[in-house]
Amino acid sequence: MIPAPFDYVRPGSLDEAVTALADAGEDAKVLAGGQSLLPLLRLRLAYPSTLVDIGRVPELKGVRDEGDHVFIGAMTTHDEVLHSDLVRAECPLVALATATVADPAVRHRGTFGGALAHADPAGDLPAVAVALDMRMVARSRDGEREIPAAGFFVDYLETALGPGEILAGVRVPKLGPGWGFHYEKFHRTAQAWAIVGVAAAVRRSNGTIEEARIGLTNMATRPLRAAAVEQAVRGLAVTDTAALRGAAAHAAENTDPPSDLHGGPDYRRHLAQVLTHRALMAAAAA
């Protein structure tokens, strides 16, 4: 289909971008890589009055070390994130999940910030964001603010970004030594959205699990932390498969999985338990 008519603005700096977005009003949309927004426009599921194309804003690109955090610019492509030595060394869970995003063509065009701001609960990165307690950096004409990932994803395709705000980048905490990571994803084809996905970070000490962070993909209208699993897994031996499976059985608690052509809620609850067990085992052994 053909998109509905809209105005188009292509700013050259972040200041110009936030000004253009504020001037365009609440019906404006930000265009990043376009891999999620353009299909919505073609299907007329989105009707923006104005598109603010931030593709030429240099301040929004790149990965840099900020001491306790790694900053990833919103316009950094998935491929650039995936092949960043800094991300691989300090934020391996980000790299693991990014490697599963769509296909190489999409990863070369799609952006890290765009995937997060799109807030699709079937996307891989939102669950990683909540598991790692990322902090989203929003910019507007009034200045900058940080939004914790736990409060950033509000509902299906809805975030805490206000009118006139652009996601400028993300701060990813460095978890340091002793942590193992894994992203487990079940999908129909290699390029498809996750039917269910699990992001796992496990801190080990003397053969036991001291702490775990579990993010769930596509188990509600927003990414979730599997708090019951995180509590149940503490103190378990990293090699105790049966005990880890028992802890993973709590993965579906307090979830509200969707029902679609790929599976119903009960199917997804079962997948969440199975995939959480696999992710825990892999992260504990990493």
C-alpha atoms as a PDB file:
ATOM      1  CA  MET A   1       0.000   0.000   0.000  1.00  0.00           C
ATOM      2  CA  ILE A   2       0.951   3.664  -0.251  1.00  0.00           C
ATOM      3  CA  PRO A   3       1.506   5.620   2.983  1.00  0.00           C
ATOM      4  CA  ALA A   4      -0.769   8.492   3.896  1.00  0.00           C
ATOM      5  CA  PRO A   5       0.660  11.949   3.072  1.00  0.00           C
ATOM      6  CA  PHE A   6       3.143  13.459   5.540  1.00  0.00           C
ATOM      7  CA  ASP A   7       5.686  16.257   5.752  1.00  0.00           C
ATOM      8  CA  TYR A   8       9.368  15.323   5.789  1.00  0.00           C
ATOM      9  CA  VAL A   9      12.221  17.015   7.692  1.00  0.00           C
ATOM     10  CA  ARG A  10      15.866  15.947   7.665  1.00  0.00           C
ATOM     11  CA  PRO A  11      17.868  17.848  10.336  1.00  0.00           C
ATOM     12  CA  GLY A  12      21.658  17.862  10.419  1.00  0.00           C
ATOM     13  CA  SER A  13      22.184  18.124  14.179  1.00  0.00           C
ATOM     14  CA  LEU A  14      20.537  16.926  17.378  1.00  0.00           C
ATOM     15  CA  ASP A  15      19.469  20.450  18.308  1.00  0.00           C
ATOM     16  CA  GLU A  16      17.822  20.849  14.910  1.00  0.00           C
ATOM     17  CA  ALA A  17      16.144  17.455  15.315  1.00  0.00           C
ATOM     18  CA  VAL A  18      14.537  18.163  18.692  1.00  0.00           C
ATOM     19  CA  THR A  19      13.435  21.590  17.482  1.00  0.00           C
ATOM     20  CA  ALA A  20      11.861  20.118  14.350  1.00  0.00           C
ATOM     21  CA  LEU A  21      10.107  17.424  16.397  1.00  0.00           C
ATOM     22  CA  ALA A  22       8.741  19.963  18.869  1.00  0.00           C
ATOM     23  CA  ASP A  23       7.538  22.263  16.098  1.00  0.00           C
ATOM     24  CA  ALA A  24       5.829  19.400  14.254  1.00  0.00           C
ATOM     25  CA  GLY A  25       3.527  18.540  17.174  1.00  0.00           C
ATOM     26  CA  GLU A  26       2.349  15.323  18.804  1.00  0.00           C
ATOM     27  CA  ASP A  27       1.503  13.547  15.537  1.00  0.00           C
ATOM     28  CA  ALA A  28       5.119  13.620  14.317  1.00  0.00           C
ATOM     29  CA  LYS A  29       7.278  10.486  14.157  1.00  0.00           C
ATOM     30  CA  VAL A  30      11.041  10.025  14.297  1.00  0.00           C
ATOM     31  CA  LEU A  31      12.543   8.044  11.427  1.00  0.00           C
ATOM     32  CA  ALA A  32      15.740   6.180  12.353  1.00  0.00           C
ATOM     33  CA  GLY A  33      16.674   3.074  10.336  1.00  0.00           C
ATOM     34  CA  GLY A  34      13.080   2.685   9.171  1.00  0.00           C
ATOM     35  CA  GLN A  35      13.010  -1.106   9.398  1.00  0.00           C
ATOM     36  CA  SER A  36      10.009  -1.064  11.753  1.00  0.00           C
ATOM     37  CA  LEU A  37       8.320   2.247  10.954  1.00  0.00           C
ATOM     38  CA  LEU A  38       8.210   2.015   7.157  1.00  0.00           C
ATOM     39  CA  PRO A  39       6.119  -1.197   7.100  1.00  0.00           C
ATOM     40  CA  LEU A  40       3.635   0.482   9.470  1.00  0.00           C
ATOM     41  CA  LEU A  41       3.424   3.466   7.133  1.00  0.00           C
ATOM     42  CA  ARG A  42       2.877   1.289   4.070  1.00  0.00           C
ATOM     43  CA  LEU A  43       0.094  -0.625   5.837  1.00  0.00           C
ATOM     44  CA  ARG A  44      -1.387   2.660   7.081  1.00  0.00           C
ATOM     45  CA  LEU A  45      -1.121   1.508  10.670  1.00  0.00           C
ATOM     46  CA  ALA A  46       0.666   4.795  11.421  1.00  0.00           C
ATOM     47  CA  TYR A  47      -0.431   8.242  10.234  1.00  0.00           C
ATOM     48  CA  PRO A  48       2.281  10.756  11.180  1.00  0.00           C
ATOM     49  CA  SER A  49       1.807  14.360  10.192  1.00  0.00           C
ATOM     50  CA  THR A  50       5.579  14.775   9.900  1.00  0.00           C
ATOM     51  CA  LEU A  51       8.576  12.458   9.678  1.00  0.00           C
ATOM     52  CA  VAL A  52      11.740  13.775  11.308  1.00  0.00           C
ATOM     53  CA  ASP A  53      14.584  11.822   9.693  1.00  0.00           C
ATOM     54  CA  ILE A  54      17.558  11.674  12.101  1.00  0.00           C
ATOM     55  CA  GLY A  55      19.762   9.650   9.759  1.00  0.00           C
ATOM     56  CA  ARG A  56      22.219  12.535   9.279  1.00  0.00           C
ATOM     57  CA  VAL A  57      22.638  13.478  12.953  1.00  0.00           C
ATOM     58  CA  PRO A  58      26.269  12.621  13.827  1.00  0.00           C
ATOM     59  CA  GLU A  59      25.811  13.024  17.604  1.00  0.00           C
ATOM     60  CA  LEU A  60      23.512  10.005  17.657  1.00  0.00           C
ATOM     61  CA  LYS A  61      26.021   7.523  16.265  1.00  0.00           C
ATOM     62  CA  GLY A  62      28.806   5.458  17.822  1.00  0.00           C
ATOM     63  CA  VAL A  63      29.803   3.488  20.906  1.00  0.00           C
ATOM     64  CA  ARG A  64      31.959   4.942  23.671  1.00  0.00           C
ATOM     65  CA  ASP A  65      33.309   4.013  27.087  1.00  0.00           C
ATOM     66  CA  GLU A  66      31.908   6.065  29.985  1.00  0.00           C
ATOM     67  CA  GLY A  67      33.652   4.351  32.878  1.00  0.00           C
ATOM     68  CA  ASP A  68      30.972   2.295  34.627  1.00  0.00           C
ATOM     69  CA  HIS A  69      28.799   2.316  31.505  1.00  0.00           C
ATOM     70  CA  VAL A  70      28.995   1.864  27.769  1.00  0.00           C
ATOM     71  CA  PHE A  71      27.094   4.492  25.807  1.00  0.00           C
ATOM     72  CA  ILE A  72      25.492   3.337  22.550  1.00  0.00           C
ATOM     73  CA  GLY A  73      24.179   6.104  20.296  1.00  0.00           C
ATOM     74  CA  ALA A  74      20.622   5.628  19.118  1.00  0.00           C
ATOM     75  CA  MET A  75      21.566   5.740  15.418  1.00  0.00           C
ATOM     76  CA  THR A  76      24.285   3.103  15.756  1.00  0.00           C
ATOM     77  CA  THR A  77      23.279   0.218  13.508  1.00  0.00           C
ATOM     78  CA  HIS A  78      22.810  -3.302  14.796  1.00  0.00           C
ATOM     79  CA  ASP A  79      25.777  -4.406  12.718  1.00  0.00           C
ATOM     80  CA  GLU A  80      28.006  -1.731  14.275  1.00  0.00           C
ATOM     81  CA  VAL A  81      26.897  -2.769  17.761  1.00  0.00           C
ATOM     82  CA  LEU A  82      27.426  -6.432  16.977  1.00  0.00           C
ATOM     83  CA  HIS A  83      30.993  -5.852  15.766  1.00  0.00           C
ATOM     84  CA  SER A  84      32.008  -3.342  18.446  1.00  0.00           C
ATOM     85  CA  ASP A  85      34.946  -4.678  20.467  1.00  0.00           C
ATOM     86  CA  LEU A  86      33.812  -2.556  23.412  1.00  0.00           C
ATOM     87  CA  VAL A  87      30.281  -3.998  23.366  1.00  0.00           C
ATOM     88  CA  ARG A  88      31.568  -7.558  23.037  1.00  0.00           C
ATOM     89  CA  ALA A  89      33.977  -7.107  25.943  1.00  0.00           C
ATOM     90  CA  GLU A  90      31.796  -5.142  28.353  1.00  0.00           C
ATOM     91  CA  CYS A  91      28.194  -5.890  27.285  1.00  0.00           C
ATOM     92  CA  PRO A  92      28.255  -9.397  25.803  1.00  0.00           C
ATOM     93  CA  LEU A  93      24.518  -9.966  26.306  1.00  0.00           C
ATOM     94  CA  VAL A  94      23.843  -7.010  24.007  1.00  0.00           C
ATOM     95  CA  ALA A  95      26.042  -8.551  21.329  1.00  0.00           C
ATOM     96  CA  LEU A  96      24.454 -11.996  21.733  1.00  0.00           C
ATOM     97  CA  ALA A  97      20.918 -10.655  21.332  1.00  0.00           C
ATOM     98  CA  THR A  98      21.814  -8.268  18.514  1.00  0.00           C
ATOM     99  CA  ALA A  99      23.216 -11.186  16.512  1.00  0.00           C
ATOM    100  CA  THR A 100      19.703 -12.682  16.431  1.00  0.00           C
ATOM    101  CA  VAL A 101      17.965  -9.547  15.135  1.00  0.00           C
ATOM    102  CA  ALA A 102      16.362 -10.247  11.742  1.00  0.00           C
ATOM    103  CA  ASP A 103      18.966 -10.779   8.981  1.00  0.00           C
ATOM    104  CA  PRO A 104      22.214  -9.089   7.844  1.00  0.00           C
ATOM    105  CA  ALA A 105      20.394  -6.678   5.529  1.00  0.00           C
ATOM    106  CA  VAL A 106      18.166  -5.415   8.353  1.00  0.00           C
ATOM    107  CA  ARG A 107      21.071  -5.294  10.819  1.00  0.00           C
ATOM    108  CA  HIS A 108      23.039  -3.065   8.442  1.00  0.00           C
ATOM    109  CA  ARG A 109      20.158  -0.588   8.190  1.00  0.00           C
ATOM    110  CA  GLY A 110      18.211  -0.924  11.432  1.00  0.00           C
ATOM    111  CA  THR A 111      19.377   0.999  14.482  1.00  0.00           C
ATOM    112  CA  PHE A 112      19.867   0.103  18.124  1.00  0.00           C
ATOM    113  CA  GLY A 113      17.868   3.060  19.408  1.00  0.00           C
ATOM    114  CA  GLY A 114      15.158   2.648  16.809  1.00  0.00           C
ATOM    115  CA  ALA A 115      14.481  -0.919  17.913  1.00  0.00           C
ATOM    116  CA  LEU A 116      14.167   0.181  21.533  1.00  0.00           C
ATOM    117  CA  ALA A 117      12.018   3.239  20.812  1.00  0.00           C
ATOM    118  CA  HIS A 118       9.718   1.121  18.632  1.00  0.00           C
ATOM    119  CA  ALA A 119       9.004  -0.932  21.790  1.00  0.00           C
ATOM    120  CA  ASP A 120       7.739  -4.080  20.117  1.00  0.00           C
ATOM    121  CA  PRO A 121       7.501  -6.727  22.884  1.00  0.00           C
ATOM    122  CA  ALA A 122       8.508  -9.354  20.299  1.00  0.00           C
ATOM    123  CA  GLY A 123      11.769  -7.486  19.638  1.00  0.00           C
ATOM    124  CA  ASP A 124      14.947  -8.919  21.108  1.00  0.00           C
ATOM    125  CA  LEU A 125      16.538  -5.779  22.559  1.00  0.00           C
ATOM    126  CA  PRO A 126      13.809  -4.530  24.946  1.00  0.00           C
ATOM    127  CA  ALA A 127      14.105  -7.667  27.099  1.00  0.00           C
ATOM    128  CA  VAL A 128      17.880  -7.224  27.207  1.00  0.00           C
ATOM    129  CA  ALA A 129      17.406  -3.595  28.217  1.00  0.00           C
ATOM    130  CA  VAL A 130      15.275  -4.465  31.250  1.00  0.00           C
ATOM    131  CA  ALA A 131      17.516  -7.394  32.227  1.00  0.00           C
ATOM    132  CA  LEU A 132      20.616  -5.181  32.247  1.00  0.00           C
ATOM    133  CA  ASP A 133      18.892  -2.153  33.814  1.00  0.00           C
ATOM    134  CA  MET A 134      19.890   0.064  30.909  1.00  0.00           C
ATOM    135  CA  ARG A 135      19.219   3.788  31.147  1.00  0.00           C
ATOM    136  CA  MET A 136      17.644   5.508  28.169  1.00  0.00           C
ATOM    137  CA  VAL A 137      18.900   8.997  27.376  1.00  0.00           C
ATOM    138  CA  ALA A 138      16.124  11.215  26.023  1.00  0.00           C
ATOM    139  CA  ARG A 139      16.714  14.635  24.493  1.00  0.00           C
ATOM    140  CA  SER A 140      14.210  17.410  23.907  1.00  0.00           C
ATOM    141  CA  ARG A 141      14.321  21.155  23.404  1.00  0.00           C
ATOM    142  CA  ASP A 142      14.223  21.459  27.206  1.00  0.00           C
ATOM    143  CA  GLY A 143      17.349  19.347  27.762  1.00  0.00           C
ATOM    144  CA  GLU A 144      18.284  15.763  28.605  1.00  0.00           C
ATOM    145  CA  ARG A 145      16.871  13.187  30.993  1.00  0.00           C
ATOM    146  CA  GLU A 146      17.534   9.526  31.788  1.00  0.00           C
ATOM    147  CA  ILE A 147      14.748   6.960  31.922  1.00  0.00           C
ATOM    148  CA  PRO A 148      15.345   3.551  33.556  1.00  0.00           C
ATOM    149  CA  ALA A 149      14.539   0.692  31.200  1.00  0.00           C
ATOM    150  CA  ALA A 150      12.023  -0.673  33.715  1.00  0.00           C
ATOM    151  CA  GLY A 151       9.949   2.476  33.250  1.00  0.00           C
ATOM    152  CA  PHE A 152      10.705   3.139  29.600  1.00  0.00           C
ATOM    153  CA  PHE A 153       8.508   0.428  28.054  1.00  0.00           C
ATOM    154  CA  VAL A 154       4.930   1.359  28.913  1.00  0.00           C
ATOM    155  CA  ASP A 155       2.762  -0.830  26.670  1.00  0.00           C
ATOM    156  CA  TYR A 156       2.608  -2.276  23.168  1.00  0.00           C
ATOM    157  CA  LEU A 157       4.596   0.071  20.884  1.00  0.00           C
ATOM    158  CA  GLU A 158       4.442   2.712  23.637  1.00  0.00           C
ATOM    159  CA  THR A 159       7.319   4.208  25.610  1.00  0.00           C
ATOM    160  CA  ALA A 160       7.806   6.874  28.253  1.00  0.00           C
ATOM    161  CA  LEU A 161       9.225   9.283  25.670  1.00  0.00           C
ATOM    162  CA  GLY A 162       7.222  12.479  25.794  1.00  0.00           C
ATOM    163  CA  PRO A 163       6.144  14.702  22.910  1.00  0.00           C
ATOM    164  CA  GLY A 164       9.188  16.369  21.424  1.00  0.00           C
ATOM    165  CA  GLU A 165      11.633  13.838  22.915  1.00  0.00           C
ATOM    166  CA  ILE A 166      14.140  11.777  20.930  1.00  0.00           C
ATOM    167  CA  LEU A 167      15.957   8.719  22.237  1.00  0.00           C
ATOM    168  CA  ALA A 168      19.540   9.938  21.879  1.00  0.00           C
ATOM    169  CA  GLY A 169      21.275   6.846  23.214  1.00  0.00           C
ATOM    170  CA  VAL A 170      21.468   4.177  25.880  1.00  0.00           C
ATOM    171  CA  ARG A 171      23.793   3.681  28.854  1.00  0.00           C
ATOM    172  CA  VAL A 172      24.539   0.018  29.470  1.00  0.00           C
ATOM    173  CA  PRO A 173      26.034  -0.857  32.886  1.00  0.00           C
ATOM    174  CA  LYS A 174      29.263  -2.847  32.950  1.00  0.00           C
ATOM    175  CA  LEU A 175      28.522  -5.833  35.168  1.00  0.00           C
ATOM    176  CA  GLY A 176      32.159  -6.844  35.550  1.00  0.00           C
ATOM    177  CA  PRO A 177      33.766 -10.249  36.210  1.00  0.00           C
ATOM    178  CA  GLY A 178      31.896 -13.311  37.396  1.00  0.00           C
ATOM    179  CA  TRP A 179      28.914 -12.833  35.098  1.00  0.00           C
ATOM    180  CA  GLY A 180      27.777 -15.188  32.363  1.00  0.00           C
ATOM    181  CA  PHE A 181      25.282 -14.288  29.645  1.00  0.00           C
ATOM    182  CA  HIS A 182      22.996 -15.932  27.140  1.00  0.00           C
ATOM    183  CA  TYR A 183      20.078 -15.032  24.869  1.00  0.00           C
ATOM    184  CA  GLU A 184      17.758 -17.894  23.964  1.00  0.00           C
ATOM    185  CA  LYS A 185      15.188 -17.325  21.232  1.00  0.00           C
ATOM    186  CA  PHE A 186      12.488 -19.482  19.682  1.00  0.00           C
ATOM    187  CA  HIS A 187      11.227 -18.256  16.319  1.00  0.00           C
ATOM    188  CA  ARG A 188       9.592 -19.613  13.198  1.00  0.00           C
ATOM    189  CA  THR A 189      12.415 -18.709  10.809  1.00  0.00           C
ATOM    190  CA  ALA A 190      15.828 -17.135  11.254  1.00  0.00           C
ATOM    191  CA  GLN A 191      14.508 -13.709  10.209  1.00  0.00           C
ATOM    192  CA  ALA A 192      11.263 -13.783  12.196  1.00  0.00           C
ATOM    193  CA  TRP A 193      10.263 -12.062  15.406  1.00  0.00           C
ATOM    194  CA  ALA A 194      10.673 -14.102  18.568  1.00  0.00           C
ATOM    195  CA  ILE A 195       7.719 -16.241  19.562  1.00  0.00           C
ATOM    196  CA  VAL A 196       9.404 -16.199  22.986  1.00  0.00           C
ATOM    197  CA  GLY A 197      12.877 -15.080  23.965  1.00  0.00           C
ATOM    198  CA  VAL A 198      14.874 -15.080  27.202  1.00  0.00           C
ATOM    199  CA  ALA A 199      17.780 -12.798  28.105  1.00  0.00           C
ATOM    200  CA  ALA A 200      19.809 -14.205  31.002  1.00  0.00           C
ATOM    201  CA  ALA A 201      22.642 -12.727  33.049  1.00  0.00           C
ATOM    202  CA  VAL A 202      24.044 -14.871  35.877  1.00  0.00           C
ATOM    203  CA  ARG A 203      26.642 -13.917  38.489  1.00  0.00           C
ATOM    204  CA  ARG A 204      28.537 -16.924  39.844  1.00  0.00           C
ATOM    205  CA  SER A 205      30.752 -17.406  42.888  1.00  0.00           C
ATOM    206  CA  ASN A 206      32.327 -20.616  44.153  1.00  0.00           C
ATOM    207  CA  GLY A 207      30.135 -22.766  41.964  1.00  0.00           C
ATOM    208  CA  THR A 208      26.826 -21.189  42.974  1.00  0.00           C
ATOM    209  CA  ILE A 209      24.581 -18.535  41.487  1.00  0.00           C
ATOM    210  CA  GLU A 210      24.726 -15.355  43.535  1.00  0.00           C
ATOM    211  CA  GLU A 211      22.442 -13.262  41.332  1.00  0.00           C
ATOM    212  CA  ALA A 212      20.441 -13.620  38.128  1.00  0.00           C
ATOM    213  CA  ARG A 213      18.667 -11.212  35.828  1.00  0.00           C
ATOM    214  CA  ILE A 214      16.089 -12.625  33.440  1.00  0.00           C
ATOM    215  CA  GLY A 215      14.307 -10.599  30.745  1.00  0.00           C
ATOM    216  CA  LEU A 216      11.385 -12.083  28.802  1.00  0.00           C
ATOM    217  CA  THR A 217      10.559 -11.332  25.175  1.00  0.00           C
ATOM    218  CA  ASN A 218       6.955 -11.483  23.907  1.00  0.00           C
ATOM    219  CA  MET A 219       5.371 -12.604  27.169  1.00  0.00           C
ATOM    220  CA  ALA A 220       3.258  -9.457  27.619  1.00  0.00           C
ATOM    221  CA  THR A 221       2.621  -6.140  25.883  1.00  0.00           C
ATOM    222  CA  ARG A 222       6.029  -4.988  27.160  1.00  0.00           C
ATOM    223  CA  PRO A 223       9.264  -6.739  28.153  1.00  0.00           C
ATOM    224  CA  LEU A 224       9.238  -8.290  31.623  1.00  0.00           C
ATOM    225  CA  ARG A 225      11.687  -9.340  34.307  1.00  0.00           C
ATOM    226  CA  ALA A 226      11.106 -12.888  35.550  1.00  0.00           C
ATOM    227  CA  ALA A 227      11.392 -11.878  39.213  1.00  0.00           C
ATOM    228  CA  ALA A 228      10.251 -15.228  40.571  1.00  0.00           C
ATOM    229  CA  VAL A 229      12.979 -17.032  38.634  1.00  0.00           C
ATOM    230  CA  GLU A 230      15.589 -14.525  39.762  1.00  0.00           C
ATOM    231  CA  GLN A 231      14.678 -15.192  43.379  1.00  0.00           C
ATOM    232  CA  ALA A 232      14.398 -18.976  43.033  1.00  0.00           C
ATOM    233  CA  VAL A 233      17.768 -19.389  41.358  1.00  0.00           C
ATOM    234  CA  ARG A 234      19.880 -17.675  44.032  1.00  0.00           C
ATOM    235  CA  GLY A 235      22.201 -20.045  45.840  1.00  0.00           C
ATOM    236  CA  LEU A 236      21.731 -22.917  43.407  1.00  0.00           C
ATOM    237  CA  ALA A 237      24.739 -24.807  42.123  1.00  0.00           C
ATOM    238  CA  VAL A 238      25.558 -23.857  38.548  1.00  0.00           C
ATOM    239  CA  THR A 239      25.692 -27.554  37.610  1.00  0.00           C
ATOM    240  CA  ASP A 240      22.408 -28.570  39.277  1.00  0.00           C
ATOM    241  CA  THR A 241      20.288 -29.061  36.194  1.00  0.00           C
ATOM    242  CA  ALA A 242      17.205 -30.270  38.059  1.00  0.00           C
ATOM    243  CA  ALA A 243      17.228 -27.347  40.485  1.00  0.00           C
ATOM    244  CA  LEU A 244      17.675 -24.858  37.651  1.00  0.00           C
ATOM    245  CA  ARG A 245      14.785 -26.445  35.805  1.00  0.00           C
ATOM    246  CA  GLY A 246      12.662 -26.062  38.919  1.00  0.00           C
ATOM    247  CA  ALA A 247      13.591 -22.389  39.175  1.00  0.00           C
ATOM    248  CA  ALA A 248      12.814 -21.878  35.480  1.00  0.00           C
ATOM    249  CA  ALA A 249       9.332 -23.293  36.050  1.00  0.00           C
ATOM    250  CA  HIS A 250       8.450 -19.910  37.585  1.00  0.00           C
ATOM    251  CA  ALA A 251       9.178 -18.079  34.318  1.00  0.00           C
ATOM    252  CA  ALA A 252       5.548 -17.726  33.259  1.00  0.00           C
ATOM    253  CA  GLU A 253       4.359 -16.236  36.545  1.00  0.00           C
ATOM    254  CA  ASN A 254       2.789 -12.776  36.270  1.00  0.00           C
ATOM    255  CA  THR A 255       2.990 -12.816  32.478  1.00  0.00           C
ATOM    256  CA  ASP A 256       0.276 -12.120  29.918  1.00  0.00           C
ATOM    257  CA  PRO A 257       1.462 -13.692  26.669  1.00  0.00           C
ATOM    258  CA  PRO A 258      -0.328 -12.884  23.419  1.00  0.00           C
ATOM    259  CA  SER A 259      -2.224 -15.275  21.188  1.00  0.00           C
ATOM    260  CA  ASP A 260      -1.588 -15.203  17.448  1.00  0.00           C
ATOM    261  CA  LEU A 261      -0.959 -17.473  14.461  1.00  0.00           C
ATOM    262  CA  HIS A 262       2.325 -18.641  15.997  1.00  0.00           C
ATOM    263  CA  GLY A 263       0.922 -19.847  19.297  1.00  0.00           C
ATOM    264  CA  GLY A 264      -1.453 -19.310  22.181  1.00  0.00           C
ATOM    265  CA  PRO A 265      -0.720 -18.174  25.744  1.00  0.00           C
ATOM    266  CA  ASP A 266      -0.289 -21.706  27.147  1.00  0.00           C
ATOM    267  CA  TYR A 267       2.198 -22.573  24.407  1.00  0.00           C
ATOM    268  CA  ARG A 268       4.200 -19.441  25.142  1.00  0.00           C
ATOM    269  CA  ARG A 269       4.150 -20.108  28.897  1.00  0.00           C
ATOM    270  CA  HIS A 270       5.607 -23.544  28.254  1.00  0.00           C
ATOM    271  CA  LEU A 271       8.228 -22.077  25.922  1.00  0.00           C
ATOM    272  CA  ALA A 272       9.171 -19.475  28.540  1.00  0.00           C
ATOM    273  CA  GLN A 273       9.912 -22.210  31.067  1.00  0.00           C
ATOM    274  CA  VAL A 274      11.920 -24.329  28.648  1.00  0.00           C
ATOM    275  CA  LEU A 275      13.886 -21.424  27.200  1.00  0.00           C
ATOM    276  CA  THR A 276      14.583 -19.931  30.626  1.00  0.00           C
ATOM    277  CA  HIS A 277      16.087 -23.232  31.744  1.00  0.00           C
ATOM    278  CA  ARG A 278      18.273 -23.348  28.649  1.00  0.00           C
ATOM    279  CA  ALA A 279      19.325 -19.724  29.077  1.00  0.00           C
ATOM    280  CA  LEU A 280      20.178 -20.233  32.744  1.00  0.00           C
ATOM    281  CA  MET A 281      22.251 -23.314  32.004  1.00  0.00           C
ATOM    282  CA  ALA A 282      24.132 -21.581  29.198  1.00  0.00           C
ATOM    283  CA  ALA A 283      24.734 -18.363  31.151  1.00  0.00           C
ATOM    284  CA  ALA A 284      25.878 -20.261  34.241  1.00  0.00           C
ATOM    285  CA  ALA A 285      28.376 -22.209  32.127  1.00  0.00           C
ATOM    286  CA  ALA A 286      29.603 -19.233  30.077  1.00  0.00           C
END
